[in-house]
């Protein structure tokens, strides 16, 4: 299970998201995303630095194949400018990454869950993450598939209607 261990950086040139307005996939606009994964004894510790301004630090610790849902929490929000309006920066970021759309509405509030997750281990190169709201509504399913050489992985996200709305490629940092 340890093949995913390490730090990963998004390859924005090979990552895309679905635009309902344009009815096509468009380039990912996250800016930067750095993920650190540590798997030990069937437990995954996951932390992501999501975005470039603001940077939203989120994460969770979850056991694979555990029936319990665990919080995927917002831990910190940092802006480039110390005196920046954090709420305005987060609002602009939500629009840029399409996290303000119906059916994909996501909130970034420090100390609050971004969602609740469960993990499924399939094999050393394939993991699934199921996500729902705190109130129990389906949000998405993510499949993470490691390349044979272990130098990159593909993350495919399906919305609650089963439509692939985001594909992202991560490379080892």
Protein backbone atom coordinates (compact mmCIF):
# COMPACT_ATOMS: atom_id res chain seq x y z
CA UNK A 1 0.00 0.00 0.00
CA UNK A 2 2.95 2.37 0.36
CA UNK A 3 3.49 3.06 -3.35
CA UNK A 4 1.54 6.33 -3.10
CA UNK A 5 3.67 7.56 -0.19
CA UNK A 6 5.33 10.88 -0.87
CA UNK A 7 4.64 14.35 -2.17
CA UNK A 8 2.82 14.95 -5.44
CA UNK A 9 2.36 18.05 -7.58
CA UNK A 10 -0.41 18.63 -10.10
CA UNK A 11 0.54 18.69 -13.78
CA UNK A 12 -1.91 21.42 -14.83
CA UNK A 13 -1.00 20.93 -18.49
CA UNK A 14 -2.47 17.41 -18.38
CA UNK A 15 -5.39 18.12 -16.03
CA UNK A 16 -8.86 19.30 -16.97
CA UNK A 17 -12.34 19.92 -15.65
CA UNK A 18 -15.79 19.80 -17.23
CA UNK A 19 -17.41 23.14 -18.12
CA UNK A 20 -21.18 22.86 -18.20
CA UNK A 21 -21.35 26.31 -19.77
CA UNK A 22 -19.06 25.35 -22.67
CA UNK A 23 -20.08 21.65 -22.77
CA UNK A 24 -16.46 20.54 -22.99
CA UNK A 25 -13.41 19.88 -20.84
CA UNK A 26 -11.33 22.97 -20.11
CA UNK A 27 -7.87 23.38 -18.57
CA UNK A 28 -7.64 23.08 -14.80
CA UNK A 29 -7.45 26.50 -13.14
CA UNK A 30 -6.31 25.49 -9.65
CA UNK A 31 -2.91 27.12 -10.17
CA UNK A 32 -0.97 24.82 -7.90
CA UNK A 33 -1.77 21.75 -5.88
CA UNK A 34 0.63 19.80 -3.70
CA UNK A 35 -0.49 16.58 -2.05
CA UNK A 36 1.33 14.60 0.63
CA UNK A 37 0.24 11.01 1.17
CA UNK A 38 1.46 8.72 3.92
CA UNK A 39 0.06 5.18 4.15
CA UNK A 40 1.03 3.00 7.08
CA UNK A 41 -0.78 -0.06 8.44
CA UNK A 42 -3.82 0.49 6.21
CA UNK A 43 -4.26 4.11 7.35
CA UNK A 44 -3.86 7.00 4.91
CA UNK A 45 -2.80 10.44 6.12
CA UNK A 46 -3.58 12.91 3.33
CA UNK A 47 -2.84 16.61 3.17
CA UNK A 48 -3.31 18.95 0.24
CA UNK A 49 -2.18 22.53 -0.36
CA UNK A 50 -4.94 23.49 -2.78
CA UNK A 51 -4.52 26.57 -4.97
CA UNK A 52 -1.91 29.27 -5.32
CA UNK A 53 -3.75 32.31 -3.93
CA UNK A 54 -5.28 31.58 -1.59
CA UNK A 55 -3.64 28.32 -0.55
CA UNK A 56 -6.18 26.14 1.21
CA UNK A 57 -4.65 23.46 3.43
CA UNK A 58 -7.00 20.52 3.89
CA UNK A 59 -6.65 16.92 4.95
CA UNK A 60 -7.85 13.78 6.63
CA UNK A 61 -6.64 10.59 8.24
CA UNK A 62 -8.67 7.50 7.32
CA UNK A 63 -8.38 3.73 7.42
CA UNK A 64 -8.93 1.93 4.13
CA UNK A 65 -12.14 -0.12 3.95
CA UNK A 66 -13.43 1.28 7.26
CA UNK A 67 -17.22 1.77 7.23
CA UNK A 68 -16.90 5.00 9.25
CA UNK A 69 -17.00 8.37 7.46
CA UNK A 70 -14.23 10.75 8.54
CA UNK A 71 -14.01 14.53 8.11
CA UNK A 72 -11.97 15.99 5.26
CA UNK A 73 -11.24 19.26 7.02
CA UNK A 74 -10.04 22.72 6.06
CA UNK A 75 -7.01 23.33 8.26
CA UNK A 76 -5.75 26.73 7.12
CA UNK A 77 -6.24 29.39 4.45
CA UNK A 78 -3.26 31.56 3.51
CA UNK A 79 -3.23 34.48 1.08
CA UNK A 80 -0.17 36.06 -0.54
CA UNK A 81 -0.90 39.43 1.02
CA UNK A 82 -1.13 39.45 4.82
CA UNK A 83 -3.87 42.11 4.73
CA UNK A 84 -5.85 40.51 1.88
CA UNK A 85 -9.59 39.99 2.19
CA UNK A 86 -9.58 36.22 2.76
CA UNK A 87 -13.32 35.84 2.10
CA UNK A 88 -13.02 37.61 -1.25
CA UNK A 89 -9.96 35.56 -2.20
CA UNK A 90 -11.75 32.31 -1.32
CA UNK A 91 -14.84 33.38 -3.26
CA UNK A 92 -12.77 34.15 -6.36
CA UNK A 93 -10.92 30.84 -5.99
CA UNK A 94 -14.19 28.89 -5.67
CA UNK A 95 -15.38 30.44 -8.94
CA UNK A 96 -12.06 29.73 -10.69
CA UNK A 97 -12.06 26.03 -9.75
CA UNK A 98 -15.81 25.69 -10.32
CA UNK A 99 -16.52 24.91 -6.65
CA UNK A 100 -19.41 27.38 -6.63
CA UNK A 101 -21.62 25.48 -9.12
CA UNK A 102 -24.87 23.73 -8.26
CA UNK A 103 -24.13 20.10 -7.44
CA UNK A 104 -20.45 20.91 -6.86
CA UNK A 105 -20.82 23.69 -4.28
CA UNK A 106 -17.89 23.50 -1.87
CA UNK A 107 -17.17 25.67 1.13
CA UNK A 108 -13.72 26.40 2.53
CA UNK A 109 -14.06 27.30 6.21
CA UNK A 110 -11.11 26.77 8.57
CA UNK A 111 -11.90 24.16 11.20
CA UNK A 112 -14.91 22.85 9.29
CA UNK A 113 -15.21 19.69 7.20
CA UNK A 114 -15.03 20.19 3.44
CA UNK A 115 -16.86 16.88 3.31
CA UNK A 116 -16.89 13.41 4.82
CA UNK A 117 -14.88 10.62 3.21
CA UNK A 118 -14.39 6.85 3.10
CA UNK A 119 -11.50 5.05 1.41
CA UNK A 120 -11.42 1.77 -0.49
CA UNK A 121 -8.16 -0.03 -1.22
CA UNK A 122 -8.33 -2.09 -4.41
CA UNK A 123 -4.65 -2.86 -4.97
CA UNK A 124 -1.26 -1.17 -4.57
CA UNK A 125 -1.95 1.10 -7.55
CA UNK A 126 -5.71 1.73 -7.21
CA UNK A 127 -7.60 3.54 -4.46
CA UNK A 128 -11.10 5.03 -4.28
CA UNK A 129 -12.31 7.91 -2.13
CA UNK A 130 -16.04 8.41 -1.63
CA UNK A 131 -17.15 11.83 -0.45
CA UNK A 132 -20.43 13.13 0.92
CA UNK A 133 -21.59 16.26 2.70
CA UNK A 134 -21.65 16.44 6.48
CA UNK A 135 -25.45 16.01 6.24
CA UNK A 136 -25.05 12.81 4.20
CA UNK A 137 -25.66 13.86 0.57
CA UNK A 138 -23.45 12.30 -2.10
CA UNK A 139 -20.73 14.61 -3.47
CA UNK A 140 -18.25 12.63 -5.57
CA UNK A 141 -16.16 9.53 -6.08
CA UNK A 142 -12.48 9.75 -6.88
CA UNK A 143 -10.34 6.97 -8.33
CA UNK A 144 -6.60 7.38 -7.87
CA UNK A 145 -4.52 5.14 -10.20
CA UNK A 146 -0.72 5.00 -9.91
CA UNK A 147 1.34 4.62 -13.09
CA UNK A 148 3.35 1.40 -13.50
CA UNK A 149 6.63 3.26 -12.90
CA UNK A 150 5.22 4.95 -9.78
CA UNK A 151 6.21 8.44 -10.97
CA UNK A 152 2.68 9.79 -11.56
CA UNK A 153 -0.95 9.06 -10.90
CA UNK A 154 -4.27 9.88 -12.51
CA UNK A 155 -7.11 11.12 -10.35
CA UNK A 156 -10.57 10.85 -11.94
CA UNK A 157 -13.53 12.46 -10.17
CA UNK A 158 -17.14 11.54 -10.82
CA UNK A 159 -19.90 13.84 -9.64
CA UNK A 160 -22.93 12.51 -7.78
CA UNK A 161 -24.62 11.75 -11.10
CA UNK A 162 -21.71 9.55 -12.21
CA UNK A 163 -20.29 12.04 -14.73
CA UNK A 164 -16.50 12.46 -14.89
CA UNK A 165 -16.10 16.14 -14.14
CA UNK A 166 -12.39 16.35 -13.44
CA UNK A 167 -9.28 14.43 -14.47
CA UNK A 168 -6.01 15.38 -12.90
CA UNK A 169 -2.48 14.13 -13.29
CA UNK A 170 -0.01 14.32 -10.41
CA UNK A 171 3.73 13.78 -10.60
CA UNK A 172 6.15 13.02 -7.79
CA UNK A 173 7.63 16.19 -6.37
